[in-house]
Amino acid sequence: MGFVTFIAVVLAALIVDFFWLDIENKRWKWLKGRSKPQQVLFFAFFMGASAILYYLFGYKFLN
């Protein structure tokens, strides 16, 4: 799986879970009370950490 495909899949999964699957506010309730900049910062950090781990593990195990 390419890097761009990986980022798209993770981003799509986060968006679907945050806006569609969590209708009872069980997983993301703690985040919905935060301001928009804090939410964006959290998701940016999550995507950055995911990208770094994908790159490091992919480099280690695929080469």
PDB file of N, CA and C in Angstrom:
ATOM      1  N   MET A   1       0.853  -1.163   0.000  1.00  0.00           N
ATOM      2  CA  MET A   1       0.000   0.000   0.000  1.00  0.00           C
ATOM      3  C   MET A   1       0.899   1.226   0.000  1.00  0.00           C
ATOM      4  N   GLY A   2       0.603   2.145  -0.858  1.00  0.00           N
ATOM      5  CA  GLY A   2       1.394   3.365  -0.941  1.00  0.00           C
ATOM      6  C   GLY A   2       1.123   4.301   0.225  1.00  0.00           C
ATOM      7  N   PHE A   3       2.035   5.225   0.402  1.00  0.00           N
ATOM      8  CA  PHE A   3       1.934   6.158   1.517  1.00  0.00           C
ATOM      9  C   PHE A   3       0.684   7.028   1.418  1.00  0.00           C
ATOM     10  N   VAL A   4       0.383   7.525   0.251  1.00  0.00           N
ATOM     11  CA  VAL A   4      -0.792   8.381   0.061  1.00  0.00           C
ATOM     12  C   VAL A   4      -2.066   7.580   0.291  1.00  0.00           C
ATOM     13  N   THR A   5      -2.093   6.340  -0.170  1.00  0.00           N
ATOM     14  CA  THR A   5      -3.253   5.476   0.061  1.00  0.00           C
ATOM     15  C   THR A   5      -3.444   5.220   1.548  1.00  0.00           C
ATOM     16  N   PHE A   6      -2.344   4.987   2.247  1.00  0.00           N
ATOM     17  CA  PHE A   6      -2.409   4.761   3.690  1.00  0.00           C
ATOM     18  C   PHE A   6      -2.998   5.971   4.406  1.00  0.00           C
ATOM     19  N   ILE A   7      -2.502   7.165   4.077  1.00  0.00           N
ATOM     20  CA  ILE A   7      -3.010   8.391   4.705  1.00  0.00           C
ATOM     21  C   ILE A   7      -4.498   8.568   4.405  1.00  0.00           C
ATOM     22  N   ALA A   8      -4.915   8.291   3.168  1.00  0.00           N
ATOM     23  CA  ALA A   8      -6.323   8.426   2.794  1.00  0.00           C
ATOM     24  C   ALA A   8      -7.199   7.452   3.568  1.00  0.00           C
ATOM     25  N   VAL A   9      -6.736   6.221   3.737  1.00  0.00           N
ATOM     26  CA  VAL A   9      -7.520   5.216   4.466  1.00  0.00           C
ATOM     27  C   VAL A   9      -7.652   5.605   5.935  1.00  0.00           C
ATOM     28  N   VAL A  10      -6.577   6.013   6.569  1.00  0.00           N
ATOM     29  CA  VAL A  10      -6.626   6.410   7.983  1.00  0.00           C
ATOM     30  C   VAL A  10      -7.505   7.637   8.163  1.00  0.00           C
ATOM     31  N   LEU A  11      -7.358   8.612   7.292  1.00  0.00           N
ATOM     32  CA  LEU A  11      -8.169   9.826   7.378  1.00  0.00           C
ATOM     33  C   LEU A  11      -9.651   9.519   7.176  1.00  0.00           C
ATOM     34  N   ALA A  12      -9.964   8.690   6.199  1.00  0.00           N
ATOM     35  CA  ALA A  12     -11.362   8.315   5.959  1.00  0.00           C
ATOM     36  C   ALA A  12     -11.937   7.559   7.152  1.00  0.00           C
ATOM     37  N   ALA A  13     -11.158   6.653   7.742  1.00  0.00           N
ATOM     38  CA  ALA A  13     -11.628   5.899   8.907  1.00  0.00           C
ATOM     39  C   ALA A  13     -11.902   6.822  10.092  1.00  0.00           C
ATOM     40  N   LEU A  14     -11.029   7.796  10.315  1.00  0.00           N
ATOM     41  CA  LEU A  14     -11.242   8.746  11.402  1.00  0.00           C
ATOM     42  C   LEU A  14     -12.489   9.592  11.185  1.00  0.00           C
ATOM     43  N   ILE A  15     -12.662  10.073   9.977  1.00  0.00           N
ATOM     44  CA  ILE A  15     -13.826  10.909   9.678  1.00  0.00           C
ATOM     45  C   ILE A  15     -15.120  10.127   9.823  1.00  0.00           C
ATOM     46  N   VAL A  16     -15.154   8.914   9.284  1.00  0.00           N
ATOM     47  CA  VAL A  16     -16.361   8.082   9.388  1.00  0.00           C
ATOM     48  C   VAL A  16     -16.666   7.764  10.841  1.00  0.00           C
ATOM     49  N   ASP A  17     -15.651   7.417  11.615  1.00  0.00           N
ATOM     50  CA  ASP A  17     -15.879   7.076  13.015  1.00  0.00           C
ATOM     51  C   ASP A  17     -16.320   8.295  13.817  1.00  0.00           C
ATOM     52  N   PHE A  18     -15.700   9.435  13.587  1.00  0.00           N
ATOM     53  CA  PHE A  18     -16.002  10.639  14.361  1.00  0.00           C
ATOM     54  C   PHE A  18     -17.387  11.190  14.054  1.00  0.00           C
ATOM     55  N   PHE A  19     -17.769  11.220  12.771  1.00  0.00           N
ATOM     56  CA  PHE A  19     -19.024  11.863  12.388  1.00  0.00           C
ATOM     57  C   PHE A  19     -20.203  10.906  12.204  1.00  0.00           C
ATOM     58  N   TRP A  20     -19.946   9.628  11.914  1.00  0.00           N
ATOM     59  CA  TRP A  20     -21.051   8.742  11.548  1.00  0.00           C
ATOM     60  C   TRP A  20     -21.247   7.590  12.539  1.00  0.00           C
ATOM     61  N   LEU A  21     -20.211   6.887  12.904  1.00  0.00           N
ATOM     62  CA  LEU A  21     -20.367   5.700  13.735  1.00  0.00           C
ATOM     63  C   LEU A  21     -20.546   6.001  15.219  1.00  0.00           C
ATOM     64  N   ASP A  22     -20.013   7.100  15.685  1.00  0.00           N
ATOM     65  CA  ASP A  22     -20.086   7.433  17.112  1.00  0.00           C
ATOM     66  C   ASP A  22     -21.307   8.284  17.422  1.00  0.00           C
ATOM     67  N   ILE A  23     -22.493   7.758  17.100  1.00  0.00           N
ATOM     68  CA  ILE A  23     -23.707   8.545  17.305  1.00  0.00           C
ATOM     69  C   ILE A  23     -24.121   8.606  18.773  1.00  0.00           C
ATOM     70  N   GLU A  24     -23.613   7.693  19.598  1.00  0.00           N
ATOM     71  CA  GLU A  24     -23.958   7.714  21.022  1.00  0.00           C
ATOM     72  C   GLU A  24     -22.893   8.413  21.861  1.00  0.00           C
ATOM     73  N   ASN A  25     -21.896   8.995  21.225  1.00  0.00           N
ATOM     74  CA  ASN A  25     -20.825   9.744  21.902  1.00  0.00           C
ATOM     75  C   ASN A  25     -20.097   8.920  22.958  1.00  0.00           C
ATOM     76  N   LYS A  26     -19.772   7.685  22.641  1.00  0.00           N
ATOM     77  CA  LYS A  26     -19.057   6.857  23.604  1.00  0.00           C
ATOM     78  C   LYS A  26     -17.534   6.962  23.440  1.00  0.00           C
ATOM     79  N   ARG A  27     -17.045   7.084  22.215  1.00  0.00           N
ATOM     80  CA  ARG A  27     -15.600   7.120  22.001  1.00  0.00           C
ATOM     81  C   ARG A  27     -15.041   8.524  21.917  1.00  0.00           C
ATOM     82  N   TRP A  28     -15.740   9.439  21.302  1.00  0.00           N
ATOM     83  CA  TRP A  28     -15.200  10.761  21.025  1.00  0.00           C
ATOM     84  C   TRP A  28     -15.833  11.860  21.880  1.00  0.00           C
ATOM     85  N   LYS A  29     -16.580  11.508  22.911  1.00  0.00           N
ATOM     86  CA  LYS A  29     -17.254  12.524  23.728  1.00  0.00           C
ATOM     87  C   LYS A  29     -16.250  13.493  24.361  1.00  0.00           C
ATOM     88  N   TRP A  30     -15.120  12.980  24.791  1.00  0.00           N
ATOM     89  CA  TRP A  30     -14.108  13.820  25.420  1.00  0.00           C
ATOM     90  C   TRP A  30     -13.545  14.849  24.444  1.00  0.00           C
ATOM     91  N   LEU A  31     -13.560  14.551  23.146  1.00  0.00           N
ATOM     92  CA  LEU A  31     -13.001  15.461  22.159  1.00  0.00           C
ATOM     93  C   LEU A  31     -14.031  16.463  21.642  1.00  0.00           C
ATOM     94  N   LYS A  32     -15.287  16.115  21.670  1.00  0.00           N
ATOM     95  CA  LYS A  32     -16.312  17.005  21.122  1.00  0.00           C
ATOM     96  C   LYS A  32     -16.523  18.246  21.981  1.00  0.00           C
ATOM     97  N   GLY A  33     -16.090  18.216  23.230  1.00  0.00           N
ATOM     98  CA  GLY A  33     -16.192  19.389  24.094  1.00  0.00           C
ATOM     99  C   GLY A  33     -15.045  20.366  23.898  1.00  0.00           C
ATOM    100  N   ARG A  34     -14.064  20.005  23.094  1.00  0.00           N
ATOM    101  CA  ARG A  34     -12.902  20.862  22.845  1.00  0.00           C
ATOM    102  C   ARG A  34     -13.198  21.866  21.736  1.00  0.00           C
ATOM    103  N   SER A  35     -12.360  22.878  21.653  1.00  0.00           N
ATOM    104  CA  SER A  35     -12.523  23.880  20.593  1.00  0.00           C
ATOM    105  C   SER A  35     -12.078  23.281  19.255  1.00  0.00           C
ATOM    106  N   LYS A  36     -12.472  23.926  18.171  1.00  0.00           N
ATOM    107  CA  LYS A  36     -12.111  23.447  16.826  1.00  0.00           C
ATOM    108  C   LYS A  36     -10.592  23.402  16.620  1.00  0.00           C
ATOM    109  N   PRO A  37      -9.839  24.421  17.048  1.00  0.00           N
ATOM    110  CA  PRO A  37      -8.381  24.322  16.870  1.00  0.00           C
ATOM    111  C   PRO A  37      -7.766  23.140  17.639  1.00  0.00           C
ATOM    112  N   GLN A  38      -8.293  22.834  18.811  1.00  0.00           N
ATOM    113  CA  GLN A  38      -7.790  21.696  19.565  1.00  0.00           C
ATOM    114  C   GLN A  38      -8.120  20.386  18.861  1.00  0.00           C
ATOM    115  N   GLN A  39      -9.303  20.290  18.273  1.00  0.00           N
ATOM    116  CA  GLN A  39      -9.665  19.086  17.526  1.00  0.00           C
ATOM    117  C   GLN A  39      -8.774  18.916  16.306  1.00  0.00           C
ATOM    118  N   VAL A  40      -8.542  20.000  15.583  1.00  0.00           N
ATOM    119  CA  VAL A  40      -7.684  19.939  14.399  1.00  0.00           C
ATOM    120  C   VAL A  40      -6.259  19.557  14.803  1.00  0.00           C
ATOM    121  N   LEU A  41      -5.762  20.112  15.888  1.00  0.00           N
ATOM    122  CA  LEU A  41      -4.431  19.782  16.366  1.00  0.00           C
ATOM    123  C   LEU A  41      -4.333  18.314  16.752  1.00  0.00           C
ATOM    124  N   PHE A  42      -5.353  17.777  17.418  1.00  0.00           N
ATOM    125  CA  PHE A  42      -5.349  16.360  17.786  1.00  0.00           C
ATOM    126  C   PHE A  42      -5.294  15.475  16.552  1.00  0.00           C
ATOM    127  N   PHE A  43      -6.160  15.747  15.566  1.00  0.00           N
ATOM    128  CA  PHE A  43      -6.190  14.908  14.369  1.00  0.00           C
ATOM    129  C   PHE A  43      -4.912  15.078  13.542  1.00  0.00           C
ATOM    130  N   ALA A  44      -4.343  16.266  13.524  1.00  0.00           N
ATOM    131  CA  ALA A  44      -3.072  16.467  12.817  1.00  0.00           C
ATOM    132  C   ALA A  44      -1.955  15.677  13.496  1.00  0.00           C
ATOM    133  N   PHE A  45      -1.924  15.708  14.826  1.00  0.00           N
ATOM    134  CA  PHE A  45      -0.927  14.932  15.564  1.00  0.00           C
ATOM    135  C   PHE A  45      -1.119  13.441  15.315  1.00  0.00           C
ATOM    136  N   PHE A  46      -2.363  12.979  15.325  1.00  0.00           N
ATOM    137  CA  PHE A  46      -2.659  11.567  15.099  1.00  0.00           C
ATOM    138  C   PHE A  46      -2.206  11.139  13.699  1.00  0.00           C
ATOM    139  N   MET A  47      -2.498  11.966  12.695  1.00  0.00           N
ATOM    140  CA  MET A  47      -2.091  11.637  11.327  1.00  0.00           C
ATOM    141  C   MET A  47      -0.564  11.668  11.200  1.00  0.00           C
ATOM    142  N   GLY A  48       0.082  12.619  11.847  1.00  0.00           N
ATOM    143  CA  GLY A  48       1.542  12.682  11.804  1.00  0.00           C
ATOM    144  C   GLY A  48       2.184  11.469  12.455  1.00  0.00           C
ATOM    145  N   ALA A  49       1.669  11.078  13.614  1.00  0.00           N
ATOM    146  CA  ALA A  49       2.195   9.897  14.297  1.00  0.00           C
ATOM    147  C   ALA A  49       1.954   8.639  13.468  1.00  0.00           C
ATOM    148  N   SER A  50       0.783   8.532  12.859  1.00  0.00           N
ATOM    149  CA  SER A  50       0.483   7.380  12.003  1.00  0.00           C
ATOM    150  C   SER A  50       1.426   7.323  10.808  1.00  0.00           C
ATOM    151  N   ALA A  51       1.677   8.468  10.196  1.00  0.00           N
ATOM    152  CA  ALA A  51       2.567   8.517   9.039  1.00  0.00           C
ATOM    153  C   ALA A  51       3.999   8.133   9.420  1.00  0.00           C
ATOM    154  N   ILE A  52       4.464   8.636  10.543  1.00  0.00           N
ATOM    155  CA  ILE A  52       5.821   8.303  10.986  1.00  0.00           C
ATOM    156  C   ILE A  52       5.947   6.820  11.284  1.00  0.00           C
ATOM    157  N   LEU A  53       4.983   6.249  11.989  1.00  0.00           N
ATOM    158  CA  LEU A  53       5.028   4.818  12.294  1.00  0.00           C
ATOM    159  C   LEU A  53       4.932   3.974  11.028  1.00  0.00           C
ATOM    160  N   TYR A  54       4.092   4.381  10.094  1.00  0.00           N
ATOM    161  CA  TYR A  54       3.972   3.655   8.830  1.00  0.00           C
ATOM    162  C   TYR A  54       5.304   3.677   8.086  1.00  0.00           C
ATOM    163  N   TYR A  55       5.938   4.822   8.038  1.00  0.00           N
ATOM    164  CA  TYR A  55       7.206   4.930   7.341  1.00  0.00           C
ATOM    165  C   TYR A  55       8.284   4.093   8.029  1.00  0.00           C
ATOM    166  N   LEU A  56       8.385   4.207   9.356  1.00  0.00           N
ATOM    167  CA  LEU A  56       9.420   3.471  10.081  1.00  0.00           C
ATOM    168  C   LEU A  56       9.226   1.959   9.990  1.00  0.00           C
ATOM    169  N   PHE A  57       8.008   1.480  10.216  1.00  0.00           N
ATOM    170  CA  PHE A  57       7.768   0.039  10.139  1.00  0.00           C
ATOM    171  C   PHE A  57       7.879  -0.469   8.708  1.00  0.00           C
ATOM    172  N   GLY A  58       7.416   0.312   7.763  1.00  0.00           N
ATOM    173  CA  GLY A  58       7.534  -0.083   6.363  1.00  0.00           C
ATOM    174  C   GLY A  58       8.983  -0.156   5.924  1.00  0.00           C
ATOM    175  N   TYR A  59       9.774   0.789   6.361  1.00  0.00           N
ATOM    176  CA  TYR A  59      11.187   0.794   6.005  1.00  0.00           C
ATOM    177  C   TYR A  59      11.910  -0.388   6.641  1.00  0.00           C
ATOM    178  N   LYS A  60      11.576  -0.682   7.883  1.00  0.00           N
ATOM    179  CA  LYS A  60      12.264  -1.757   8.606  1.00  0.00           C
ATOM    180  C   LYS A  60      11.876  -3.126   8.053  1.00  0.00           C
ATOM    181  N   PHE A  61      10.592  -3.371   7.816  1.00  0.00           N
ATOM    182  CA  PHE A  61      10.147  -4.711   7.484  1.00  0.00           C
ATOM    183  C   PHE A  61      10.044  -4.976   5.985  1.00  0.00           C
ATOM    184  N   LEU A  62       9.962  -3.950   5.164  1.00  0.00           N
ATOM    185  CA  LEU A  62       9.813  -4.173   3.733  1.00  0.00           C
ATOM    186  C   LEU A  62      11.133  -4.147   2.984  1.00  0.00           C
ATOM    187  N   ASN A  63      12.203  -3.666   3.612  1.00  0.00           N
ATOM    188  CA  ASN A  63      13.506  -3.631   2.938  1.00  0.00           C
ATOM    189  C   ASN A  63      14.394  -4.738   3.419  1.00  0.00           C
TER     190      ASN A  63
END
